[in-house]
Amino acid sequence: MAPAFHASLEHFNLGTNPGSPSRRDVVLPAEPGLSHACHVGGFYEQTLHQALDKHRAPQFLEEPGEYRRAACGKKVKALLPIEFSDQDPDACPACVAAVDADKSRAQHSKNDWPPACG
């Protein structure tokens, strides 16, 4: 099962390709900054889910139309093949709060089902 929220980053770097120095490869940054929570869901993002799960490699969103919004509202450009962890010391505090609120809402909804008959 895919994680509810993937860890994600606001940026990536361009590195040189040893096999072709004129070609630039997209790589994770040496200093990644905060880890954000990004929900990847819906029918049209099934391919992205499959890539993250199958290849277990980061997915770089290189075009502005591909960028996603993190739970905190920041634009993210690199999705990691791991679940967002609120225990990560580099976790975005606003994303932690948003994910906690989402979990609380989900738990509350689960406790309200089935509805009481009166």
N, C-alpha and C. Protein backbone atom coordinates (compact mmCIF):
# COMPACT_ATOMS: atom_id res chain seq x y z
N MET A 1 0.84 -1.19 0.00
CA MET A 1 0.00 0.00 0.00
C MET A 1 0.89 1.25 0.00
N ALA A 2 0.53 2.21 -0.80
CA ALA A 2 1.31 3.44 -0.91
C ALA A 2 1.11 4.29 0.33
N PRO A 3 2.15 5.02 0.73
CA PRO A 3 2.00 5.89 1.91
C PRO A 3 0.98 6.99 1.65
N ALA A 4 0.34 7.46 2.71
CA ALA A 4 -0.62 8.55 2.59
C ALA A 4 0.09 9.83 2.16
N PHE A 5 1.28 10.05 2.72
CA PHE A 5 2.07 11.23 2.38
C PHE A 5 3.50 10.80 2.12
N HIS A 6 4.03 11.19 0.97
CA HIS A 6 5.43 10.93 0.66
C HIS A 6 6.28 12.08 1.19
N ALA A 7 7.50 11.75 1.61
CA ALA A 7 8.46 12.79 1.93
C ALA A 7 8.82 13.48 0.62
N SER A 8 9.00 14.76 0.65
CA SER A 8 9.30 15.51 -0.57
C SER A 8 10.17 16.72 -0.24
N LEU A 9 10.80 17.24 -1.29
CA LEU A 9 11.72 18.36 -1.15
C LEU A 9 11.32 19.50 -2.07
N GLU A 10 11.69 20.71 -1.68
CA GLU A 10 11.35 21.89 -2.48
C GLU A 10 12.23 22.04 -3.71
N HIS A 11 13.38 21.39 -3.72
CA HIS A 11 14.28 21.60 -4.86
C HIS A 11 15.12 20.35 -5.13
N PHE A 12 15.78 20.37 -6.27
CA PHE A 12 16.76 19.35 -6.65
C PHE A 12 17.94 20.08 -7.27
N ASN A 13 19.00 19.37 -7.53
CA ASN A 13 20.19 19.97 -8.15
C ASN A 13 20.44 19.34 -9.51
N LEU A 14 21.21 20.04 -10.30
CA LEU A 14 21.68 19.49 -11.57
C LEU A 14 23.14 19.11 -11.39
N GLY A 15 23.46 17.86 -11.67
CA GLY A 15 24.83 17.37 -11.54
C GLY A 15 25.35 16.94 -12.91
N THR A 16 26.65 16.80 -13.01
CA THR A 16 27.23 16.36 -14.28
C THR A 16 27.17 14.85 -14.39
N ASN A 17 27.00 14.39 -15.59
CA ASN A 17 26.95 12.97 -15.89
C ASN A 17 28.36 12.52 -16.25
N PRO A 18 28.97 11.58 -15.47
CA PRO A 18 30.34 11.15 -15.76
C PRO A 18 30.50 10.57 -17.16
N GLY A 19 29.46 9.94 -17.70
CA GLY A 19 29.55 9.35 -19.03
C GLY A 19 29.39 10.36 -20.14
N SER A 20 28.82 11.50 -19.84
CA SER A 20 28.58 12.54 -20.84
C SER A 20 28.64 13.89 -20.15
N PRO A 21 29.85 14.47 -20.03
CA PRO A 21 30.00 15.73 -19.28
C PRO A 21 29.14 16.89 -19.76
N SER A 22 28.71 16.85 -21.01
CA SER A 22 27.87 17.95 -21.50
C SER A 22 26.41 17.78 -21.05
N ARG A 23 26.08 16.59 -20.58
CA ARG A 23 24.71 16.32 -20.13
C ARG A 23 24.60 16.54 -18.62
N ARG A 24 23.51 17.14 -18.21
CA ARG A 24 23.27 17.39 -16.79
C ARG A 24 22.21 16.42 -16.29
N ASP A 25 22.46 15.82 -15.13
CA ASP A 25 21.49 14.92 -14.51
C ASP A 25 20.86 15.59 -13.30
N VAL A 26 19.62 15.25 -13.05
CA VAL A 26 18.91 15.74 -11.88
C VAL A 26 19.28 14.85 -10.71
N VAL A 27 19.69 15.46 -9.59
CA VAL A 27 20.11 14.71 -8.41
C VAL A 27 19.53 15.36 -7.16
N LEU A 28 19.49 14.57 -6.08
CA LEU A 28 19.06 15.12 -4.80
C LEU A 28 20.10 16.12 -4.31
N PRO A 29 19.68 17.18 -3.64
CA PRO A 29 20.64 18.17 -3.14
C PRO A 29 21.44 17.64 -1.96
N ALA A 30 22.68 18.10 -1.85
CA ALA A 30 23.53 17.72 -0.71
C ALA A 30 22.91 18.24 0.59
N GLU A 31 22.32 19.41 0.55
CA GLU A 31 21.64 20.01 1.69
C GLU A 31 20.15 20.09 1.34
N PRO A 32 19.38 19.05 1.67
CA PRO A 32 18.00 19.02 1.21
C PRO A 32 17.04 20.01 1.87
N GLY A 33 17.37 20.50 3.05
CA GLY A 33 16.45 21.41 3.74
C GLY A 33 15.33 20.62 4.41
N LEU A 34 14.19 21.26 4.56
CA LEU A 34 13.07 20.62 5.23
C LEU A 34 12.46 19.50 4.40
N SER A 35 11.99 18.48 5.09
CA SER A 35 11.25 17.39 4.46
C SER A 35 9.77 17.74 4.56
N HIS A 36 9.10 17.75 3.42
CA HIS A 36 7.67 18.11 3.38
C HIS A 36 6.82 16.87 3.16
N ALA A 37 5.55 16.97 3.53
CA ALA A 37 4.59 15.89 3.31
C ALA A 37 3.79 16.20 2.05
N CYS A 38 3.82 15.27 1.09
CA CYS A 38 3.09 15.48 -0.15
C CYS A 38 2.18 14.29 -0.41
N HIS A 39 0.89 14.56 -0.53
CA HIS A 39 -0.07 13.50 -0.84
C HIS A 39 -0.04 13.27 -2.35
N VAL A 40 0.17 12.02 -2.74
CA VAL A 40 0.14 11.65 -4.16
C VAL A 40 -1.04 10.71 -4.30
N GLY A 41 -2.09 11.17 -4.90
CA GLY A 41 -3.27 10.34 -5.01
C GLY A 41 -4.10 10.68 -6.21
N GLY A 42 -5.13 9.91 -6.37
CA GLY A 42 -6.03 10.13 -7.49
C GLY A 42 -5.66 9.28 -8.69
N PHE A 43 -6.64 9.10 -9.54
CA PHE A 43 -6.49 8.24 -10.71
C PHE A 43 -5.33 8.68 -11.61
N TYR A 44 -5.20 9.97 -11.86
CA TYR A 44 -4.21 10.46 -12.81
C TYR A 44 -2.78 10.40 -12.28
N GLU A 45 -2.62 10.16 -10.99
CA GLU A 45 -1.28 10.09 -10.43
C GLU A 45 -0.87 8.64 -10.16
N GLN A 46 -1.62 7.69 -10.69
CA GLN A 46 -1.30 6.28 -10.52
C GLN A 46 0.08 5.96 -11.06
N THR A 47 0.46 6.54 -12.20
CA THR A 47 1.77 6.29 -12.80
C THR A 47 2.88 6.78 -11.88
N LEU A 48 2.68 7.93 -11.26
CA LEU A 48 3.68 8.46 -10.33
C LEU A 48 3.82 7.54 -9.13
N HIS A 49 2.71 7.05 -8.58
CA HIS A 49 2.74 6.09 -7.48
C HIS A 49 3.52 4.84 -7.88
N GLN A 50 3.23 4.32 -9.06
CA GLN A 50 3.90 3.11 -9.53
C GLN A 50 5.40 3.33 -9.65
N ALA A 51 5.80 4.48 -10.16
CA ALA A 51 7.23 4.78 -10.31
C ALA A 51 7.91 4.85 -8.95
N LEU A 52 7.28 5.51 -7.98
CA LEU A 52 7.86 5.61 -6.64
C LEU A 52 7.97 4.24 -5.99
N ASP A 53 6.92 3.43 -6.12
CA ASP A 53 6.91 2.11 -5.47
C ASP A 53 7.81 1.11 -6.18
N LYS A 54 7.79 1.10 -7.50
CA LYS A 54 8.55 0.10 -8.26
C LYS A 54 10.04 0.39 -8.26
N HIS A 55 10.41 1.61 -8.55
CA HIS A 55 11.83 1.94 -8.71
C HIS A 55 12.51 2.30 -7.40
N ARG A 56 11.72 2.61 -6.39
CA ARG A 56 12.27 3.00 -5.08
C ARG A 56 13.34 4.09 -5.26
N ALA A 57 13.07 4.99 -6.16
CA ALA A 57 13.98 6.09 -6.45
C ALA A 57 13.19 7.40 -6.42
N PRO A 58 13.86 8.50 -6.14
CA PRO A 58 13.15 9.78 -6.16
C PRO A 58 12.56 10.07 -7.53
N GLN A 59 11.46 10.78 -7.54
CA GLN A 59 10.87 11.24 -8.79
C GLN A 59 11.01 12.75 -8.82
N PHE A 60 11.71 13.23 -9.85
CA PHE A 60 11.97 14.66 -9.96
C PHE A 60 10.92 15.29 -10.87
N LEU A 61 10.28 16.31 -10.38
CA LEU A 61 9.23 17.01 -11.11
C LEU A 61 9.89 18.25 -11.73
N GLU A 62 10.29 18.11 -12.97
CA GLU A 62 11.14 19.13 -13.60
C GLU A 62 10.38 20.28 -14.26
N GLU A 63 9.13 20.05 -14.60
CA GLU A 63 8.34 21.08 -15.29
C GLU A 63 7.36 21.73 -14.31
N PRO A 64 7.15 23.03 -14.42
CA PRO A 64 6.22 23.71 -13.50
C PRO A 64 4.84 23.05 -13.42
N GLY A 65 4.35 22.49 -14.49
CA GLY A 65 3.05 21.83 -14.47
C GLY A 65 3.05 20.54 -13.66
N GLU A 66 4.24 20.00 -13.36
CA GLU A 66 4.35 18.76 -12.60
C GLU A 66 4.49 19.00 -11.10
N TYR A 67 4.88 20.22 -10.71
CA TYR A 67 5.11 20.50 -9.30
C TYR A 67 3.86 20.15 -8.49
N ARG A 68 4.07 19.77 -7.25
CA ARG A 68 2.99 19.44 -6.33
C ARG A 68 3.04 20.41 -5.15
N ARG A 69 1.95 20.46 -4.41
CA ARG A 69 1.90 21.27 -3.18
C ARG A 69 2.01 20.34 -1.99
N ALA A 70 2.88 20.71 -1.08
CA ALA A 70 3.02 19.96 0.17
C ALA A 70 1.84 20.29 1.07
N ALA A 71 1.70 19.54 2.13
CA ALA A 71 0.60 19.76 3.08
C ALA A 71 0.61 21.18 3.64
N CYS A 72 1.80 21.79 3.70
CA CYS A 72 1.93 23.15 4.23
C CYS A 72 1.67 24.22 3.17
N GLY A 73 1.55 23.80 1.91
CA GLY A 73 1.31 24.74 0.82
C GLY A 73 2.54 25.06 -0.01
N LYS A 74 3.73 24.65 0.44
CA LYS A 74 4.96 24.90 -0.33
C LYS A 74 4.96 24.07 -1.60
N LYS A 75 5.62 24.59 -2.64
CA LYS A 75 5.77 23.88 -3.89
C LYS A 75 6.91 22.87 -3.75
N VAL A 76 6.68 21.59 -4.13
CA VAL A 76 7.73 20.59 -4.06
C VAL A 76 8.06 20.08 -5.45
N LYS A 77 9.35 19.75 -5.64
CA LYS A 77 9.85 19.35 -6.95
C LYS A 77 10.52 17.99 -6.94
N ALA A 78 10.67 17.38 -5.77
CA ALA A 78 11.27 16.05 -5.67
C ALA A 78 10.45 15.21 -4.68
N LEU A 79 9.89 14.10 -5.17
CA LEU A 79 9.15 13.18 -4.31
C LEU A 79 10.05 12.01 -3.97
N LEU A 80 10.12 11.67 -2.70
CA LEU A 80 10.98 10.57 -2.25
C LEU A 80 10.15 9.30 -2.09
N PRO A 81 10.76 8.14 -2.29
CA PRO A 81 10.00 6.89 -2.21
C PRO A 81 9.81 6.38 -0.78
N ILE A 82 9.74 7.30 0.15
CA ILE A 82 9.55 6.95 1.55
C ILE A 82 8.39 7.76 2.12
N GLU A 83 7.78 7.23 3.15
CA GLU A 83 6.68 7.93 3.79
C GLU A 83 7.21 9.12 4.59
N PHE A 84 6.46 10.20 4.60
CA PHE A 84 6.79 11.36 5.41
C PHE A 84 6.76 10.94 6.88
N SER A 85 7.77 11.33 7.63
CA SER A 85 7.83 11.01 9.05
C SER A 85 7.82 12.28 9.88
N ASP A 86 6.86 12.35 10.78
CA ASP A 86 6.82 13.51 11.67
C ASP A 86 7.92 13.45 12.73
N GLN A 87 8.63 12.30 12.78
CA GLN A 87 9.75 12.15 13.72
C GLN A 87 11.08 12.61 13.12
N ASP A 88 11.10 12.89 11.83
CA ASP A 88 12.32 13.37 11.17
C ASP A 88 12.67 14.75 11.73
N PRO A 89 13.91 14.94 12.19
CA PRO A 89 14.27 16.25 12.75
C PRO A 89 14.18 17.37 11.71
N ASP A 90 14.22 17.02 10.42
CA ASP A 90 14.11 18.03 9.37
C ASP A 90 12.69 18.15 8.81
N ALA A 91 11.72 17.54 9.48
CA ALA A 91 10.33 17.60 9.02
C ALA A 91 9.80 19.03 9.16
N CYS A 92 9.12 19.48 8.14
CA CYS A 92 8.51 20.81 8.15
C CYS A 92 7.44 20.85 9.26
N PRO A 93 7.55 21.77 10.21
CA PRO A 93 6.57 21.83 11.30
C PRO A 93 5.13 22.04 10.82
N ALA A 94 4.94 22.83 9.77
CA ALA A 94 3.59 23.05 9.26
C ALA A 94 3.03 21.77 8.62
N CYS A 95 3.90 20.99 7.96
CA CYS A 95 3.45 19.72 7.39
C CYS A 95 3.11 18.72 8.49
N VAL A 96 3.91 18.70 9.56
CA VAL A 96 3.62 17.81 10.69
C VAL A 96 2.24 18.13 11.24
N ALA A 97 1.94 19.41 11.43
CA ALA A 97 0.64 19.82 11.96
C ALA A 97 -0.49 19.43 11.00
N ALA A 98 -0.28 19.62 9.70
CA ALA A 98 -1.31 19.29 8.71
C ALA A 98 -1.55 17.79 8.65
N VAL A 99 -0.49 17.00 8.69
CA VAL A 99 -0.63 15.53 8.65
C VAL A 99 -1.32 15.04 9.93
N ASP A 100 -0.94 15.61 11.07
CA ASP A 100 -1.61 15.24 12.33
C ASP A 100 -3.10 15.55 12.27
N ALA A 101 -3.45 16.71 11.71
CA ALA A 101 -4.86 17.10 11.59
C ALA A 101 -5.58 16.14 10.65
N ASP A 102 -4.91 15.73 9.57
CA ASP A 102 -5.51 14.79 8.61
C ASP A 102 -5.76 13.44 9.28
N LYS A 103 -4.78 12.95 10.05
CA LYS A 103 -4.94 11.68 10.76
C LYS A 103 -6.07 11.77 11.78
N SER A 104 -6.16 12.89 12.46
CA SER A 104 -7.21 13.09 13.46
C SER A 104 -8.59 13.08 12.79
N ARG A 105 -8.70 13.77 11.65
CA ARG A 105 -9.98 13.79 10.91
C ARG A 105 -10.36 12.38 10.46
N ALA A 106 -9.37 11.65 9.94
CA ALA A 106 -9.63 10.28 9.47
C ALA A 106 -10.09 9.39 10.62
N GLN A 107 -9.44 9.52 11.78
CA GLN A 107 -9.81 8.72 12.94
C GLN A 107 -11.20 9.09 13.42
N HIS A 108 -11.49 10.38 13.43
CA HIS A 108 -12.80 10.85 13.86
C HIS A 108 -13.88 10.31 12.93
N SER A 109 -13.64 10.34 11.62
CA SER A 109 -14.61 9.83 10.65
C SER A 109 -14.84 8.34 10.84
N LYS A 110 -13.76 7.61 11.11
CA LYS A 110 -13.86 6.17 11.31
C LYS A 110 -14.71 5.86 12.55
N ASN A 111 -14.56 6.67 13.60
CA ASN A 111 -15.31 6.44 14.84
C ASN A 111 -16.78 6.79 14.68
N ASP A 112 -17.13 7.60 13.68
CA ASP A 112 -18.52 8.00 13.48
C ASP A 112 -19.28 7.04 12.58
N TRP A 113 -18.64 5.95 12.17
CA TRP A 113 -19.30 5.01 11.27
C TRP A 113 -19.47 3.67 11.96
N PRO A 114 -20.56 3.03 11.91
CA PRO A 114 -21.78 3.48 11.25
C PRO A 114 -22.49 4.55 12.09
N PRO A 115 -23.30 5.37 11.44
CA PRO A 115 -23.98 6.42 12.20
C PRO A 115 -24.95 5.81 13.22
N ALA A 116 -25.12 6.50 14.32
CA ALA A 116 -26.02 6.02 15.37
C ALA A 116 -27.47 6.11 14.90
N CYS A 117 -28.22 5.11 15.21
CA CYS A 117 -29.65 5.11 14.87
C CYS A 117 -30.42 5.52 16.12
N GLY A 118 -31.36 6.36 15.96
CA GLY A 118 -32.03 6.81 17.15
C GLY A 118 -33.43 6.75 17.07
